[in-house]
Amino acid sequence: MISAMMSLGEYGKAAVRAEAAVTAFNGRLPRSAQINQVSAAGAYLGMGELERAIDCARASIPAAKALNSARSVERLQKFADDLDPYSNSIMVRQFRDQLHSELAA
């Protein structure tokens, strides 16, 4: 449902749903919480809220590393690719560096 909202450009609704899912799944279903955290990041990016998007994605890195889930890592890498229009931003470079170093370790 969240990805459908984002496909329709309803980023605000998608962000609210994704954040609610993170809260609901946190502690019980860690992979679902992590994936929804990245979905929230994508929704914020769609709204042009770069800093908030990166903060959400950054918060999901430790879970992706701990879960050792290919799907979780793929979602984070796709989000990092979606940052290409902002590649000149120091925030984007720092996030990508952190993502690479955390997942490579």
PDB file of N, CA and C in Angstrom:
ATOM      1  N   MET A   1       0.816  -1.183   0.000  1.00  0.00           N
ATOM      2  CA  MET A   1       0.000   0.000   0.000  1.00  0.00           C
ATOM      3  C   MET A   1       0.869   1.259   0.000  1.00  0.00           C
ATOM      4  N   ILE A   2       1.955   1.249   0.766  1.00  0.00           N
ATOM      5  CA  ILE A   2       2.824   2.420   0.839  1.00  0.00           C
ATOM      6  C   ILE A   2       3.456   2.701  -0.512  1.00  0.00           C
ATOM      7  N   SER A   3       3.913   1.660  -1.190  1.00  0.00           N
ATOM      8  CA  SER A   3       4.537   1.873  -2.499  1.00  0.00           C
ATOM      9  C   SER A   3       3.508   2.367  -3.515  1.00  0.00           C
ATOM     10  N   ALA A   4       2.263   1.930  -3.394  1.00  0.00           N
ATOM     11  CA  ALA A   4       1.215   2.427  -4.288  1.00  0.00           C
ATOM     12  C   ALA A   4       0.974   3.917  -4.055  1.00  0.00           C
ATOM     13  N   MET A   5       0.948   4.324  -2.798  1.00  0.00           N
ATOM     14  CA  MET A   5       0.767   5.746  -2.485  1.00  0.00           C
ATOM     15  C   MET A   5       1.909   6.572  -3.072  1.00  0.00           C
ATOM     16  N   MET A   6       3.120   6.052  -2.949  1.00  0.00           N
ATOM     17  CA  MET A   6       4.264   6.785  -3.484  1.00  0.00           C
ATOM     18  C   MET A   6       4.195   6.838  -5.011  1.00  0.00           C
ATOM     19  N   SER A   7       3.756   5.762  -5.645  1.00  0.00           N
ATOM     20  CA  SER A   7       3.613   5.751  -7.105  1.00  0.00           C
ATOM     21  C   SER A   7       2.597   6.786  -7.576  1.00  0.00           C
ATOM     22  N   LEU A   8       1.608   7.043  -6.723  1.00  0.00           N
ATOM     23  CA  LEU A   8       0.583   8.034  -7.052  1.00  0.00           C
ATOM     24  C   LEU A   8       0.974   9.449  -6.638  1.00  0.00           C
ATOM     25  N   GLY A   9       2.153   9.583  -6.057  1.00  0.00           N
ATOM     26  CA  GLY A   9       2.621  10.892  -5.634  1.00  0.00           C
ATOM     27  C   GLY A   9       2.062  11.350  -4.295  1.00  0.00           C
ATOM     28  N   GLU A  10       1.461  10.441  -3.572  1.00  0.00           N
ATOM     29  CA  GLU A  10       0.897  10.770  -2.263  1.00  0.00           C
ATOM     30  C   GLU A  10       1.941  10.502  -1.175  1.00  0.00           C
ATOM     31  N   TYR A  11       3.018  11.268  -1.239  1.00  0.00           N
ATOM     32  CA  TYR A  11       4.157  11.040  -0.364  1.00  0.00           C
ATOM     33  C   TYR A  11       3.848  11.306   1.107  1.00  0.00           C
ATOM     34  N   GLY A  12       3.041  12.307   1.369  1.00  0.00           N
ATOM     35  CA  GLY A  12       2.688  12.606   2.761  1.00  0.00           C
ATOM     36  C   GLY A  12       1.961  11.453   3.420  1.00  0.00           C
ATOM     37  N   LYS A  13       0.963  10.912   2.714  1.00  0.00           N
ATOM     38  CA  LYS A  13       0.217   9.765   3.247  1.00  0.00           C
ATOM     39  C   LYS A  13       1.130   8.552   3.392  1.00  0.00           C
ATOM     40  N   ALA A  14       2.003   8.352   2.424  1.00  0.00           N
ATOM     41  CA  ALA A  14       2.928   7.217   2.475  1.00  0.00           C
ATOM     42  C   ALA A  14       3.863   7.339   3.677  1.00  0.00           C
ATOM     43  N   ALA A  15       4.346   8.547   3.938  1.00  0.00           N
ATOM     44  CA  ALA A  15       5.248   8.756   5.078  1.00  0.00           C
ATOM     45  C   ALA A  15       4.541   8.458   6.388  1.00  0.00           C
ATOM     46  N   VAL A  16       3.301   8.923   6.514  1.00  0.00           N
ATOM     47  CA  VAL A  16       2.537   8.675   7.744  1.00  0.00           C
ATOM     48  C   VAL A  16       2.327   7.183   7.946  1.00  0.00           C
ATOM     49  N   ARG A  17       1.935   6.483   6.893  1.00  0.00           N
ATOM     50  CA  ARG A  17       1.717   5.025   6.996  1.00  0.00           C
ATOM     51  C   ARG A  17       3.010   4.285   7.316  1.00  0.00           C
ATOM     52  N   ALA A  18       4.088   4.673   6.655  1.00  0.00           N
ATOM     53  CA  ALA A  18       5.363   3.993   6.884  1.00  0.00           C
ATOM     54  C   ALA A  18       5.852   4.214   8.314  1.00  0.00           C
ATOM     55  N   GLU A  19       5.745   5.434   8.798  1.00  0.00           N
ATOM     56  CA  GLU A  19       6.164   5.725  10.179  1.00  0.00           C
ATOM     57  C   GLU A  19       5.302   4.951  11.175  1.00  0.00           C
ATOM     58  N   ALA A  20       4.003   4.846  10.905  1.00  0.00           N
ATOM     59  CA  ALA A  20       3.113   4.077  11.789  1.00  0.00           C
ATOM     60  C   ALA A  20       3.506   2.603  11.781  1.00  0.00           C
ATOM     61  N   ALA A  21       3.868   2.087  10.614  1.00  0.00           N
ATOM     62  CA  ALA A  21       4.288   0.684  10.514  1.00  0.00           C
ATOM     63  C   ALA A  21       5.593   0.453  11.273  1.00  0.00           C
ATOM     64  N   VAL A  22       6.515   1.400  11.191  1.00  0.00           N
ATOM     65  CA  VAL A  22       7.779   1.278  11.931  1.00  0.00           C
ATOM     66  C   VAL A  22       7.478   1.166  13.417  1.00  0.00           C
ATOM     67  N   THR A  23       6.609   2.030  13.903  1.00  0.00           N
ATOM     68  CA  THR A  23       6.244   2.006  15.325  1.00  0.00           C
ATOM     69  C   THR A  23       5.573   0.689  15.697  1.00  0.00           C
ATOM     70  N   ALA A  24       4.669   0.222  14.848  1.00  0.00           N
ATOM     71  CA  ALA A  24       3.935  -1.012  15.135  1.00  0.00           C
ATOM     72  C   ALA A  24       4.838  -2.246  15.102  1.00  0.00           C
ATOM     73  N   PHE A  25       5.792  -2.268  14.176  1.00  0.00           N
ATOM     74  CA  PHE A  25       6.624  -3.453  13.998  1.00  0.00           C
ATOM     75  C   PHE A  25       7.893  -3.444  14.854  1.00  0.00           C
ATOM     76  N   ASN A  26       8.287  -2.283  15.334  1.00  0.00           N
ATOM     77  CA  ASN A  26       9.545  -2.159  16.065  1.00  0.00           C
ATOM     78  C   ASN A  26       9.571  -3.097  17.270  1.00  0.00           C
ATOM     79  N   GLY A  27      10.617  -3.907  17.344  1.00  0.00           N
ATOM     80  CA  GLY A  27      10.769  -4.850  18.444  1.00  0.00           C
ATOM     81  C   GLY A  27      10.129  -6.198  18.186  1.00  0.00           C
ATOM     82  N   ARG A  28       9.078  -6.239  17.373  1.00  0.00           N
ATOM     83  CA  ARG A  28       8.386  -7.504  17.098  1.00  0.00           C
ATOM     84  C   ARG A  28       8.800  -8.097  15.754  1.00  0.00           C
ATOM     85  N   LEU A  29       8.846  -7.241  14.748  1.00  0.00           N
ATOM     86  CA  LEU A  29       9.193  -7.669  13.389  1.00  0.00           C
ATOM     87  C   LEU A  29      10.269  -6.723  12.852  1.00  0.00           C
ATOM     88  N   PRO A  30      11.513  -6.956  13.230  1.00  0.00           N
ATOM     89  CA  PRO A  30      12.561  -5.990  12.908  1.00  0.00           C
ATOM     90  C   PRO A  30      12.790  -5.752  11.418  1.00  0.00           C
ATOM     91  N   ARG A  31      12.686  -6.787  10.599  1.00  0.00           N
ATOM     92  CA  ARG A  31      12.884  -6.581   9.161  1.00  0.00           C
ATOM     93  C   ARG A  31      11.778  -5.722   8.581  1.00  0.00           C
ATOM     94  N   SER A  32      10.540  -5.973   8.998  1.00  0.00           N
ATOM     95  CA  SER A  32       9.423  -5.149   8.521  1.00  0.00           C
ATOM     96  C   SER A  32       9.583  -3.702   8.967  1.00  0.00           C
ATOM     97  N   ALA A  33      10.031  -3.517  10.206  1.00  0.00           N
ATOM     98  CA  ALA A  33      10.263  -2.158  10.706  1.00  0.00           C
ATOM     99  C   ALA A  33      11.346  -1.472   9.877  1.00  0.00           C
ATOM    100  N   GLN A  34      12.423  -2.179   9.587  1.00  0.00           N
ATOM    101  CA  GLN A  34      13.533  -1.598   8.829  1.00  0.00           C
ATOM    102  C   GLN A  34      13.094  -1.239   7.413  1.00  0.00           C
ATOM    103  N   ILE A  35      12.386  -2.126   6.758  1.00  0.00           N
ATOM    104  CA  ILE A  35      11.937  -1.869   5.391  1.00  0.00           C
ATOM    105  C   ILE A  35      10.977  -0.687   5.355  1.00  0.00           C
ATOM    106  N   ASN A  36      10.098  -0.597   6.330  1.00  0.00           N
ATOM    107  CA  ASN A  36       9.185   0.546   6.381  1.00  0.00           C
ATOM    108  C   ASN A  36       9.918   1.841   6.702  1.00  0.00           C
ATOM    109  N   GLN A  37      11.004   1.756   7.458  1.00  0.00           N
ATOM    110  CA  GLN A  37      11.828   2.942   7.733  1.00  0.00           C
ATOM    111  C   GLN A  37      12.405   3.480   6.425  1.00  0.00           C
ATOM    112  N   VAL A  38      12.867   2.583   5.570  1.00  0.00           N
ATOM    113  CA  VAL A  38      13.404   2.997   4.269  1.00  0.00           C
ATOM    114  C   VAL A  38      12.281   3.529   3.385  1.00  0.00           C
ATOM    115  N   SER A  39      11.090   2.946   3.485  1.00  0.00           N
ATOM    116  CA  SER A  39       9.946   3.463   2.731  1.00  0.00           C
ATOM    117  C   SER A  39       9.610   4.880   3.172  1.00  0.00           C
ATOM    118  N   ALA A  40       9.669   5.132   4.468  1.00  0.00           N
ATOM    119  CA  ALA A  40       9.436   6.489   4.971  1.00  0.00           C
ATOM    120  C   ALA A  40      10.484   7.437   4.403  1.00  0.00           C
ATOM    121  N   ALA A  41      11.725   6.977   4.354  1.00  0.00           N
ATOM    122  CA  ALA A  41      12.801   7.803   3.789  1.00  0.00           C
ATOM    123  C   ALA A  41      12.486   8.156   2.339  1.00  0.00           C
ATOM    124  N   GLY A  42      12.024   7.184   1.577  1.00  0.00           N
ATOM    125  CA  GLY A  42      11.663   7.435   0.185  1.00  0.00           C
ATOM    126  C   GLY A  42      10.513   8.415   0.047  1.00  0.00           C
ATOM    127  N   ALA A  43       9.554   8.308   0.947  1.00  0.00           N
ATOM    128  CA  ALA A  43       8.417   9.228   0.922  1.00  0.00           C
ATOM    129  C   ALA A  43       8.872  10.657   1.227  1.00  0.00           C
ATOM    130  N   TYR A  44       9.732  10.803   2.220  1.00  0.00           N
ATOM    131  CA  TYR A  44      10.248  12.137   2.539  1.00  0.00           C
ATOM    132  C   TYR A  44      11.066  12.702   1.384  1.00  0.00           C
ATOM    133  N   LEU A  45      11.818  11.832   0.723  1.00  0.00           N
ATOM    134  CA  LEU A  45      12.587  12.273  -0.437  1.00  0.00           C
ATOM    135  C   LEU A  45      11.635  12.758  -1.532  1.00  0.00           C
ATOM    136  N   GLY A  46      10.543  12.029  -1.719  1.00  0.00           N
ATOM    137  CA  GLY A  46       9.549  12.433  -2.708  1.00  0.00           C
ATOM    138  C   GLY A  46       8.924  13.786  -2.403  1.00  0.00           C
ATOM    139  N   MET A  47       8.882  14.143  -1.127  1.00  0.00           N
ATOM    140  CA  MET A  47       8.350  15.449  -0.724  1.00  0.00           C
ATOM    141  C   MET A  47       9.428  16.528  -0.773  1.00  0.00           C
ATOM    142  N   GLY A  48      10.658  16.136  -1.108  1.00  0.00           N
ATOM    143  CA  GLY A  48      11.737  17.104  -1.175  1.00  0.00           C
ATOM    144  C   GLY A  48      12.386  17.386   0.163  1.00  0.00           C
ATOM    145  N   GLU A  49      12.099  16.564   1.159  1.00  0.00           N
ATOM    146  CA  GLU A  49      12.665  16.741   2.496  1.00  0.00           C
ATOM    147  C   GLU A  49      13.928  15.877   2.622  1.00  0.00           C
ATOM    148  N   LEU A  50      14.991  16.369   2.001  1.00  0.00           N
ATOM    149  CA  LEU A  50      16.226  15.596   1.904  1.00  0.00           C
ATOM    150  C   LEU A  50      16.800  15.227   3.267  1.00  0.00           C
ATOM    151  N   GLU A  51      16.890  16.190   4.161  1.00  0.00           N
ATOM    152  CA  GLU A  51      17.489  15.908   5.469  1.00  0.00           C
ATOM    153  C   GLU A  51      16.682  14.868   6.241  1.00  0.00           C
ATOM    154  N   ARG A  52      15.372  15.008   6.230  1.00  0.00           N
ATOM    155  CA  ARG A  52      14.525  14.042   6.951  1.00  0.00           C
ATOM    156  C   ARG A  52      14.612  12.667   6.300  1.00  0.00           C
ATOM    157  N   ALA A  53      14.672  12.637   4.974  1.00  0.00           N
ATOM    158  CA  ALA A  53      14.790  11.365   4.252  1.00  0.00           C
ATOM    159  C   ALA A  53      16.079  10.644   4.644  1.00  0.00           C
ATOM    160  N   ILE A  54      17.164  11.388   4.660  1.00  0.00           N
ATOM    161  CA  ILE A  54      18.447  10.780   5.005  1.00  0.00           C
ATOM    162  C   ILE A  54      18.460  10.341   6.467  1.00  0.00           C
ATOM    163  N   ASP A  55      17.869  11.133   7.346  1.00  0.00           N
ATOM    164  CA  ASP A  55      17.795  10.733   8.756  1.00  0.00           C
ATOM    165  C   ASP A  55      17.051   9.412   8.922  1.00  0.00           C
ATOM    166  N   CYS A  56      15.937   9.256   8.210  1.00  0.00           N
ATOM    167  CA  CYS A  56      15.172   7.997   8.285  1.00  0.00           C
ATOM    168  C   CYS A  56      15.994   6.832   7.765  1.00  0.00           C
ATOM    169  N   ALA A  57      16.612   7.027   6.624  1.00  0.00           N
ATOM    170  CA  ALA A  57      17.410   5.948   6.035  1.00  0.00           C
ATOM    171  C   ALA A  57      18.602   5.609   6.922  1.00  0.00           C
ATOM    172  N   ARG A  58      19.252   6.623   7.447  1.00  0.00           N
ATOM    173  CA  ARG A  58      20.409   6.398   8.319  1.00  0.00           C
ATOM    174  C   ARG A  58      20.007   5.581   9.551  1.00  0.00           C
ATOM    175  N   ALA A  59      18.833   5.851  10.086  1.00  0.00           N
ATOM    176  CA  ALA A  59      18.360   5.122  11.267  1.00  0.00           C
ATOM    177  C   ALA A  59      18.128   3.645  10.975  1.00  0.00           C
ATOM    178  N   SER A  60      17.943   3.299   9.710  1.00  0.00           N
ATOM    179  CA  SER A  60      17.675   1.905   9.355  1.00  0.00           C
ATOM    180  C   SER A  60      18.935   1.096   9.051  1.00  0.00           C
ATOM    181  N   ILE A  61      20.071   1.748   8.965  1.00  0.00           N
ATOM    182  CA  ILE A  61      21.316   1.045   8.622  1.00  0.00           C
ATOM    183  C   ILE A  61      21.694  -0.027   9.652  1.00  0.00           C
ATOM    184  N   PRO A  62      21.678   0.272  10.955  1.00  0.00           N
ATOM    185  CA  PRO A  62      22.058  -0.773  11.916  1.00  0.00           C
ATOM    186  C   PRO A  62      21.175  -2.016  11.836  1.00  0.00           C
ATOM    187  N   ALA A  63      19.882  -1.822  11.603  1.00  0.00           N
ATOM    188  CA  ALA A  63      18.983  -2.972  11.492  1.00  0.00           C
ATOM    189  C   ALA A  63      19.303  -3.791  10.246  1.00  0.00           C
ATOM    190  N   ALA A  64      19.575  -3.115   9.140  1.00  0.00           N
ATOM    191  CA  ALA A  64      19.914  -3.837   7.906  1.00  0.00           C
ATOM    192  C   ALA A  64      21.172  -4.669   8.105  1.00  0.00           C
ATOM    193  N   LYS A  65      22.121  -4.101   8.806  1.00  0.00           N
ATOM    194  CA  LYS A  65      23.369  -4.818   9.070  1.00  0.00           C
ATOM    195  C   LYS A  65      23.127  -6.013   9.995  1.00  0.00           C
ATOM    196  N   ALA A  66      22.359  -5.806  11.049  1.00  0.00           N
ATOM    197  CA  ALA A  66      22.102  -6.868  12.029  1.00  0.00           C
ATOM    198  C   ALA A  66      21.248  -7.984  11.459  1.00  0.00           C
ATOM    199  N   LEU A  67      20.303  -7.639  10.605  1.00  0.00           N
ATOM    200  CA  LEU A  67      19.383  -8.637  10.059  1.00  0.00           C
ATOM    201  C   LEU A  67      20.041  -9.517   9.004  1.00  0.00           C
ATOM    202  N   ASN A  68      21.076  -8.987   8.361  1.00  0.00           N
ATOM    203  CA  ASN A  68      21.724  -9.729   7.288  1.00  0.00           C
ATOM    204  C   ASN A  68      20.694 -10.149   6.238  1.00  0.00           C
ATOM    205  N   SER A  69      19.813  -9.217   5.896  1.00  0.00           N
ATOM    206  CA  SER A  69      18.736  -9.464   4.939  1.00  0.00           C
ATOM    207  C   SER A  69      19.072  -8.796   3.602  1.00  0.00           C
ATOM    208  N   ALA A  70      19.132  -9.590   2.556  1.00  0.00           N
ATOM    209  CA  ALA A  70      19.430  -9.047   1.233  1.00  0.00           C
ATOM    210  C   ALA A  70      18.376  -8.014   0.820  1.00  0.00           C
ATOM    211  N   ARG A  71      17.127  -8.282   1.120  1.00  0.00           N
ATOM    212  CA  ARG A  71      16.051  -7.351   0.751  1.00  0.00           C
ATOM    213  C   ARG A  71      16.216  -6.010   1.472  1.00  0.00           C
ATOM    214  N   SER A  72      16.572  -6.049   2.735  1.00  0.00           N
ATOM    215  CA  SER A  72      16.780  -4.819   3.492  1.00  0.00           C
ATOM    216  C   SER A  72      17.930  -4.010   2.910  1.00  0.00           C
ATOM    217  N   VAL A  73      19.006  -4.688   2.582  1.00  0.00           N
ATOM    218  CA  VAL A  73      20.164  -4.013   2.003  1.00  0.00           C
ATOM    219  C   VAL A  73      19.827  -3.449   0.625  1.00  0.00           C
ATOM    220  N   GLU A  74      19.112  -4.217  -0.175  1.00  0.00           N
ATOM    221  CA  GLU A  74      18.714  -3.752  -1.511  1.00  0.00           C
ATOM    222  C   GLU A  74      17.865  -2.494  -1.428  1.00  0.00           C
ATOM    223  N   ARG A  75      16.942  -2.453  -0.480  1.00  0.00           N
ATOM    224  CA  ARG A  75      16.089  -1.259  -0.314  1.00  0.00           C
ATOM    225  C   ARG A  75      16.923  -0.035   0.037  1.00  0.00           C
ATOM    226  N   LEU A  76      17.891  -0.219   0.928  1.00  0.00           N
ATOM    227  CA  LEU A  76      18.765   0.900   1.293  1.00  0.00           C
ATOM    228  C   LEU A  76      19.626   1.339   0.111  1.00  0.00           C
ATOM    229  N   GLN A  77      20.135   0.399  -0.647  1.00  0.00           N
ATOM    230  CA  GLN A  77      20.960   0.751  -1.802  1.00  0.00           C
ATOM    231  C   GLN A  77      20.136   1.453  -2.873  1.00  0.00           C
ATOM    232  N   LYS A  78      18.883   1.036  -3.049  1.00  0.00           N
ATOM    233  CA  LYS A  78      18.008   1.721  -3.999  1.00  0.00           C
ATOM    234  C   LYS A  78      17.749   3.150  -3.547  1.00  0.00           C
ATOM    235  N   PHE A  79      17.520   3.334  -2.240  1.00  0.00           N
ATOM    236  CA  PHE A  79      17.324   4.677  -1.722  1.00  0.00           C
ATOM    237  C   PHE A  79      18.574   5.523  -1.997  1.00  0.00           C
ATOM    238  N   ALA A  80      19.745   4.956  -1.749  1.00  0.00           N
ATOM    239  CA  ALA A  80      20.996   5.681  -2.008  1.00  0.00           C
ATOM    240  C   ALA A  80      21.101   6.067  -3.483  1.00  0.00           C
ATOM    241  N   ASP A  81      20.665   5.186  -4.374  1.00  0.00           N
ATOM    242  CA  ASP A  81      20.660   5.496  -5.808  1.00  0.00           C
ATOM    243  C   ASP A  81      19.669   6.615  -6.125  1.00  0.00           C
ATOM    244  N   ASP A  82      18.549   6.625  -5.423  1.00  0.00           N
ATOM    245  CA  ASP A  82      17.532   7.660  -5.649  1.00  0.00           C
ATOM    246  C   ASP A  82      18.027   9.053  -5.242  1.00  0.00           C
ATOM    247  N   LEU A  83      19.123   9.092  -4.509  1.00  0.00           N
ATOM    248  CA  LEU A  83      19.700  10.367  -4.091  1.00  0.00           C
ATOM    249  C   LEU A  83      20.571  11.010  -5.174  1.00  0.00           C
ATOM    250  N   ASP A  84      20.703  10.365  -6.328  1.00  0.00           N
ATOM    251  CA  ASP A  84      21.572  10.876  -7.392  1.00  0.00           C
ATOM    252  C   ASP A  84      21.337  12.349  -7.738  1.00  0.00           C
ATOM    253  N   PRO A  85      20.082  12.820  -7.810  1.00  0.00           N
ATOM    254  CA  PRO A  85      19.897  14.248  -8.135  1.00  0.00           C
ATOM    255  C   PRO A  85      20.517  15.193  -7.090  1.00  0.00           C
ATOM    256  N   TYR A  86      20.795  14.680  -5.915  1.00  0.00           N
ATOM    257  CA  TYR A  86      21.359  15.482  -4.825  1.00  0.00           C
ATOM    258  C   TYR A  86      22.813  15.104  -4.533  1.00  0.00           C
ATOM    259  N   SER A  87      23.467  14.483  -5.482  1.00  0.00           N
ATOM    260  CA  SER A  87      24.797  13.923  -5.233  1.00  0.00           C
ATOM    261  C   SER A  87      25.838  14.978  -4.861  1.00  0.00           C
ATOM    262  N   ASN A  88      25.584  16.240  -5.131  1.00  0.00           N
ATOM    263  CA  ASN A  88      26.522  17.290  -4.747  1.00  0.00           C
ATOM    264  C   ASN A  88      26.389  17.680  -3.277  1.00  0.00           C
ATOM    265  N   SER A  89      25.336  17.204  -2.624  1.00  0.00           N
ATOM    266  CA  SER A  89      25.094  17.544  -1.223  1.00  0.00           C
ATOM    267  C   SER A  89      26.037  16.776  -0.308  1.00  0.00           C
ATOM    268  N   ILE A  90      26.590  17.471   0.662  1.00  0.00           N
ATOM    269  CA  ILE A  90      27.472  16.821   1.633  1.00  0.00           C
ATOM    270  C   ILE A  90      26.708  15.765   2.432  1.00  0.00           C
ATOM    271  N   MET A  91      25.422  16.029   2.712  1.00  0.00           N
ATOM    272  CA  MET A  91      24.615  15.049   3.452  1.00  0.00           C
ATOM    273  C   MET A  91      24.528  13.735   2.692  1.00  0.00           C
ATOM    274  N   VAL A  92      24.345  13.839   1.393  1.00  0.00           N
ATOM    275  CA  VAL A  92      24.238  12.632   0.557  1.00  0.00           C
ATOM    276  C   VAL A  92      25.559  11.895   0.531  1.00  0.00           C
ATOM    277  N   ARG A  93      26.648  12.603   0.353  1.00  0.00           N
ATOM    278  CA  ARG A  93      27.962  11.948   0.337  1.00  0.00           C
ATOM    279  C   ARG A  93      28.257  11.276   1.674  1.00  0.00           C
ATOM    280  N   GLN A  94      27.934  11.943   2.772  1.00  0.00           N
ATOM    281  CA  GLN A  94      28.171  11.354   4.092  1.00  0.00           C
ATOM    282  C   GLN A  94      27.301  10.120   4.306  1.00  0.00           C
ATOM    283  N   PHE A  95      26.035  10.194   3.890  1.00  0.00           N
ATOM    284  CA  PHE A  95      25.151   9.038   4.028  1.00  0.00           C
ATOM    285  C   PHE A  95      25.678   7.861   3.220  1.00  0.00           C
ATOM    286  N   ARG A  96      26.044   8.106   1.990  1.00  0.00           N
ATOM    287  CA  ARG A  96      26.545   7.024   1.139  1.00  0.00           C
ATOM    288  C   ARG A  96      27.828   6.420   1.701  1.00  0.00           C
ATOM    289  N   ASP A  97      28.702   7.270   2.214  1.00  0.00           N
ATOM    290  CA  ASP A  97      29.932   6.764   2.835  1.00  0.00           C
ATOM    291  C   ASP A  97      29.612   5.890   4.043  1.00  0.00           C
ATOM    292  N   GLN A  98      28.680   6.363   4.878  1.00  0.00           N
ATOM    293  CA  GLN A  98      28.291   5.588   6.059  1.00  0.00           C
ATOM    294  C   GLN A  98      27.659   4.268   5.654  1.00  0.00           C
ATOM    295  N   LEU A  99      26.770   4.312   4.678  1.00  0.00           N
ATOM    296  CA  LEU A  99      26.107   3.092   4.220  1.00  0.00           C
ATOM    297  C   LEU A  99      27.140   2.082   3.722  1.00  0.00           C
ATOM    298  N   HIS A 100      28.053   2.547   2.917  1.00  0.00           N
ATOM    299  CA  HIS A 100      29.070   1.652   2.369  1.00  0.00           C
ATOM    300  C   HIS A 100      29.946   1.070   3.485  1.00  0.00           C
ATOM    301  N   SER A 101      30.392   1.910   4.411  1.00  0.00           N
ATOM    302  CA  SER A 101      31.292   1.415   5.441  1.00  0.00           C
ATOM    303  C   SER A 101      30.574   0.493   6.434  1.00  0.00           C
ATOM    304  N   GLU A 102      29.328   0.803   6.772  1.00  0.00           N
ATOM    305  CA  GLU A 102      28.588  -0.039   7.716  1.00  0.00           C
ATOM    306  C   GLU A 102      28.246  -1.404   7.120  1.00  0.00           C
ATOM    307  N   LEU A 103      27.841  -1.419   5.883  1.00  0.00           N
ATOM    308  CA  LEU A 103      27.424  -2.691   5.276  1.00  0.00           C
ATOM    309  C   LEU A 103      28.607  -3.519   4.791  1.00  0.00           C
ATOM    310  N   ALA A 104      29.741  -2.868   4.584  1.00  0.00           N
ATOM    311  CA  ALA A 104      30.931  -3.601   4.176  1.00  0.00           C
ATOM    312  C   ALA A 104      31.624  -4.258   5.367  1.00  0.00           C
ATOM    313  N   ALA A 105      31.380  -3.736   6.555  1.00  0.00           N
ATOM    314  CA  ALA A 105      32.054  -4.254   7.757  1.00  0.00           C
ATOM    315  C   ALA A 105      31.505  -5.586   8.199  1.00  0.00           C
TER     316      ALA A 105
END
